[in-house]
Protein backbone atom coordinates (compact mmCIF):
# COMPACT_ATOMS: atom_id res chain seq x y z
CA ARG A 1 -14.93 -8.43 -9.07
CA ILE A 2 -17.68 -9.47 -6.30
CA THR A 3 -15.44 -11.39 -3.96
CA ALA A 4 -17.38 -11.40 -1.46
CA LEU A 5 -21.48 -10.83 -0.38
CA SER A 6 -23.00 -9.79 3.47
CA PRO A 7 -21.17 -8.21 3.60
CA ASN A 8 -20.92 -6.89 -0.01
CA GLU A 9 -17.26 -6.84 -1.31
CA VAL A 10 -14.90 -6.39 -3.98
CA ALA A 11 -11.78 -6.70 -5.52
CA ILE A 12 -10.43 -3.72 -8.17
CA THR A 13 -9.29 -5.69 -10.94
CA GLY A 14 -7.91 -2.38 -13.21
CA GLY A 15 -9.49 0.79 -14.79
CA GLY A 16 -9.02 4.17 -15.30
CA SER A 17 -6.48 6.23 -16.76
CA GLY A 18 -4.66 9.52 -16.44
CA SER A 19 -1.90 10.64 -13.88
CA SER A 20 -3.71 10.70 -11.21
CA ILE A 21 -6.17 7.72 -10.04
CA THR A 22 -8.76 8.11 -7.00
CA ILE A 23 -9.54 4.22 -6.00
CA PRO A 24 -12.88 5.14 -4.67
CA GLU A 25 -14.59 3.44 -1.52
CA THR A 26 -17.58 1.86 -2.66
CA VAL A 27 -18.94 0.95 -5.93
CA THR A 28 -22.23 -0.33 -7.28
CA PHE A 29 -24.22 -2.41 -8.84
CA ASN A 30 -27.77 -3.63 -9.38
CA MET A 31 -28.75 -1.47 -6.96
CA GLU A 32 -26.55 -2.77 -4.50
CA SER A 33 -23.31 -0.70 -2.37
CA TYR A 34 -19.83 -3.07 -2.93
CA THR A 35 -16.82 -2.28 -0.47
CA VAL A 36 -13.51 -2.03 -2.15
CA VAL A 37 -11.36 -4.33 0.15
CA ALA A 38 -8.84 -4.99 -2.49
CA ILE A 39 -6.11 -3.78 -5.20
CA GLY A 40 -6.91 -6.55 -7.62
CA ASP A 41 -3.19 -8.59 -9.41
CA ARG A 42 -2.11 -6.32 -11.77
CA ALA A 43 -4.82 -4.72 -11.54
CA PHE A 44 -2.40 -0.95 -13.37
CA GLU A 45 0.36 -2.67 -14.15
CA PHE A 46 2.65 -0.73 -16.46
CA ILE A 47 1.25 -0.35 -19.74
CA PRO A 48 3.95 0.48 -22.66
CA PHE A 49 3.33 4.04 -23.98
CA SER A 50 0.49 4.77 -21.71
CA ASN A 51 0.35 8.47 -21.70
CA PRO A 52 -0.01 9.78 -19.18
CA ALA A 53 1.81 7.79 -16.95
CA LEU A 54 0.64 7.21 -13.69
CA VAL A 55 2.35 9.04 -10.82
CA ASN A 56 -0.60 8.84 -8.36
CA VAL A 57 -2.44 7.21 -6.62
CA VAL A 58 -5.27 7.73 -4.26
CA PHE A 59 -6.71 4.49 -1.94
CA PRO A 60 -9.93 4.50 0.61
CA ASN A 61 -9.01 2.89 4.12
CA SER A 62 -11.35 0.81 3.50
CA ILE A 63 -8.70 -1.70 1.23
CA ARG A 64 -6.90 -4.35 3.24
CA THR A 65 -5.51 -5.71 0.89
CA ILE A 66 -2.82 -4.66 -2.96
CA GLY A 67 -2.30 -7.97 -4.55
CA LYS A 68 0.37 -8.60 -6.92
CA GLU A 69 2.34 -6.22 -9.70
CA ALA A 70 -0.45 -4.39 -8.57
CA PHE A 71 1.72 -0.87 -9.14
CA PHE A 72 3.95 -2.61 -11.05
CA GLU A 73 7.20 -0.04 -13.06
CA ASN A 74 4.55 2.30 -13.09
CA ASN A 75 5.82 6.62 -12.56
CA LEU A 76 4.58 6.96 -8.92
CA SER A 77 6.42 9.73 -6.72
CA GLY A 78 6.18 11.78 -4.00
CA THR A 79 4.95 10.00 -0.92
CA LEU A 80 2.38 6.65 -0.95
CA ALA A 81 -0.35 7.46 1.54
CA LEU A 82 -1.59 3.79 2.13
CA PRO A 83 -4.62 2.74 3.58
CA THR A 84 -5.65 2.78 6.97
CA ASN A 85 -6.51 -1.40 7.11
CA LEU A 86 -4.72 -2.31 4.11
CA GLU A 87 -3.24 -5.73 5.87
CA ILE A 88 -1.16 -7.09 3.12
CA ILE A 89 0.92 -5.81 0.54
CA GLY A 90 1.69 -8.80 -2.83
CA GLU A 91 4.67 -8.80 -4.65
CA ALA A 92 6.55 -6.32 -6.42
CA ALA A 93 2.78 -4.47 -5.89
CA PHE A 94 4.69 -1.57 -5.87
CA ARG A 95 8.99 -2.14 -7.84
CA SER A 96 9.70 -0.49 -9.73
CA ASN A 97 8.35 3.61 -9.69
CA ASN A 98 9.68 6.37 -8.08
CA LEU A 99 8.27 6.58 -4.71
CA SER A 100 10.58 9.73 -1.88
CA GLY A 101 10.26 10.29 0.99
CA THR A 102 9.12 8.63 4.69
CA LEU A 103 7.07 5.37 3.96
CA THR A 104 5.19 5.00 7.14
CA LEU A 105 3.03 1.91 6.27
CA PRO A 106 -0.31 1.83 7.97
CA GLU A 107 -0.78 -0.17 11.98
CA ARG A 108 -3.06 -3.22 10.16
CA LEU A 109 -0.12 -4.21 8.09
CA THR A 110 0.97 -8.04 8.96
CA THR A 111 2.62 -9.01 5.80
CA ILE A 112 5.39 -7.19 2.49
CA GLN A 113 5.98 -9.92 -0.34
CA ARG A 114 9.24 -10.52 -2.34
CA ASP A 115 9.89 -7.34 -4.31
CA ALA A 116 6.62 -5.64 -3.47
CA PHE A 117 9.22 -2.06 -2.99
CA PHE A 118 12.01 -2.85 -4.25
CA ASN A 119 13.37 -0.61 -7.55
CA ASN A 120 12.41 2.79 -6.15
CA ALA A 121 14.42 6.01 -6.91
CA SER A 122 13.97 8.23 -3.35
CA LEU A 123 12.88 6.37 -0.74
CA SER A 124 14.88 7.22 3.05
CA GLU A 125 12.70 6.06 5.64
CA VAL A 126 10.58 3.17 6.14
CA ILE A 127 8.94 3.37 9.39
CA PHE A 128 8.07 -0.66 10.14
CA PRO A 129 4.40 -0.64 12.05
CA GLU A 130 4.35 -3.00 15.84
CA SER A 131 1.80 -5.29 14.03
CA LEU A 132 4.16 -6.21 11.24
CA LEU A 133 4.57 -10.28 11.13
CA THR A 134 6.96 -10.69 7.48
CA ILE A 135 9.09 -8.87 5.05
CA SER A 136 9.27 -11.88 2.29
CA GLU A 137 12.93 -10.98 -0.02
CA ASP A 138 13.81 -7.97 -1.73
CA ALA A 139 11.43 -6.08 -0.12
CA PHE A 140 13.10 -2.99 -0.36
CA GLN A 141 16.03 -3.51 -2.41
CA PHE A 142 17.61 -1.72 -4.57
CA ILE A 143 16.36 1.62 -2.25
CA PRO A 144 18.23 4.14 -1.26
CA LEU A 145 17.12 4.27 1.80
CA THR A 146 19.13 5.51 4.97
CA THR A 147 16.59 5.00 7.79
CA ILE A 148 14.48 2.27 9.57
CA THR A 149 12.54 1.47 12.39
CA LEU A 150 11.16 -1.05 13.07
CA ARG A 151 8.42 -1.74 15.97
CA SER A 152 8.18 -5.67 16.16
CA ASN A 153 9.97 -8.14 16.19
CA ILE A 154 9.57 -8.44 12.13
CA SER A 155 11.33 -12.11 10.21
CA ILE A 156 13.20 -10.05 7.42
CA ASP A 157 14.29 -12.85 4.39
CA ARG A 158 17.45 -12.37 3.34
CA GLY A 159 18.35 -9.74 0.30
CA THR A 160 15.48 -7.12 1.91
CA PHE A 161 17.66 -4.38 2.70
CA GLY A 162 20.27 -5.55 0.10
CA GLY A 163 21.54 -3.00 -2.18
CA ASN A 164 20.61 0.09 -0.50
CA ALA A 165 22.21 3.33 1.48
CA LEU A 166 21.36 1.58 5.69
CA THR A 167 23.04 4.14 8.02
CA SER A 168 20.16 3.66 11.11
CA ILE A 169 18.43 1.19 12.46
CA ILE A 170 15.73 2.38 15.27
CA SER A 171 14.55 -0.69 17.04
CA GLU A 172 12.01 -0.30 19.91
CA ILE A 173 11.78 -2.99 21.22
CA ILE A 174 12.76 -5.93 23.11
CA SER A 175 13.96 -8.53 20.95
CA PRO A 176 15.81 -7.12 18.31
CA SER A 177 14.49 -9.23 15.34
CA SER A 178 18.27 -10.88 13.64
CA PHE A 179 19.12 -9.40 9.86
CA PRO A 180 19.92 -12.25 7.28
CA ILE A 181 23.38 -10.59 5.36
CA ASN A 182 23.40 -11.25 1.58
CA VAL A 183 25.90 -12.00 -0.02
CA ASN A 184 26.67 -9.49 -1.67
CA ASP A 185 27.29 -7.61 1.86
CA ILE A 186 30.76 -8.41 3.31
CA THR A 187 30.37 -5.52 6.19
CA ARG A 188 27.77 -3.36 7.75
CA SER A 189 29.72 -2.08 10.42
CA ASN A 190 28.86 2.03 8.70
CA ILE A 191 25.37 0.59 10.29
CA ASP A 192 24.36 2.71 13.93
CA LEU A 193 21.99 0.64 16.14
CA THR A 194 20.09 1.85 18.31
């Protein structure tokens, strides 16, 4: 879908099949070149009975926005390499996948919307960039996170880290963010704050 002219920009709204998808950096339409700057809402949302399931996606660095439920309920696994120019991760964009290891968020990211990484199988650590301003409600809920590293005074909504196994919060900022306590979190005294 064309989103801008001069410069020519498009959003990917879907397409492709197989266990791995590579998003192109540019596409051509009517002999004009367009830069791919966004993944649209529900572009690669899980489709029941799809075979094979989507387990890997490769992004060009031109992507600035990943839309609502763009990769919702797929089988993305392993470490996710996000594009360096990414600014916004939409609501439930990567909800209910199998991402694992350390998630290093790109240095231009400003917003992580509600449920963005909710219910991922094996994420153990998230490193947040200095550019990040907002993490919305439940964004990292029900993930076996053990460590997060904060590098800016982020606005963190209630329930953002609920239902996980945090044992360490590393803050590289002078004035740390506050952490709203979820109703279900009776105590967080087992978390080391550095």
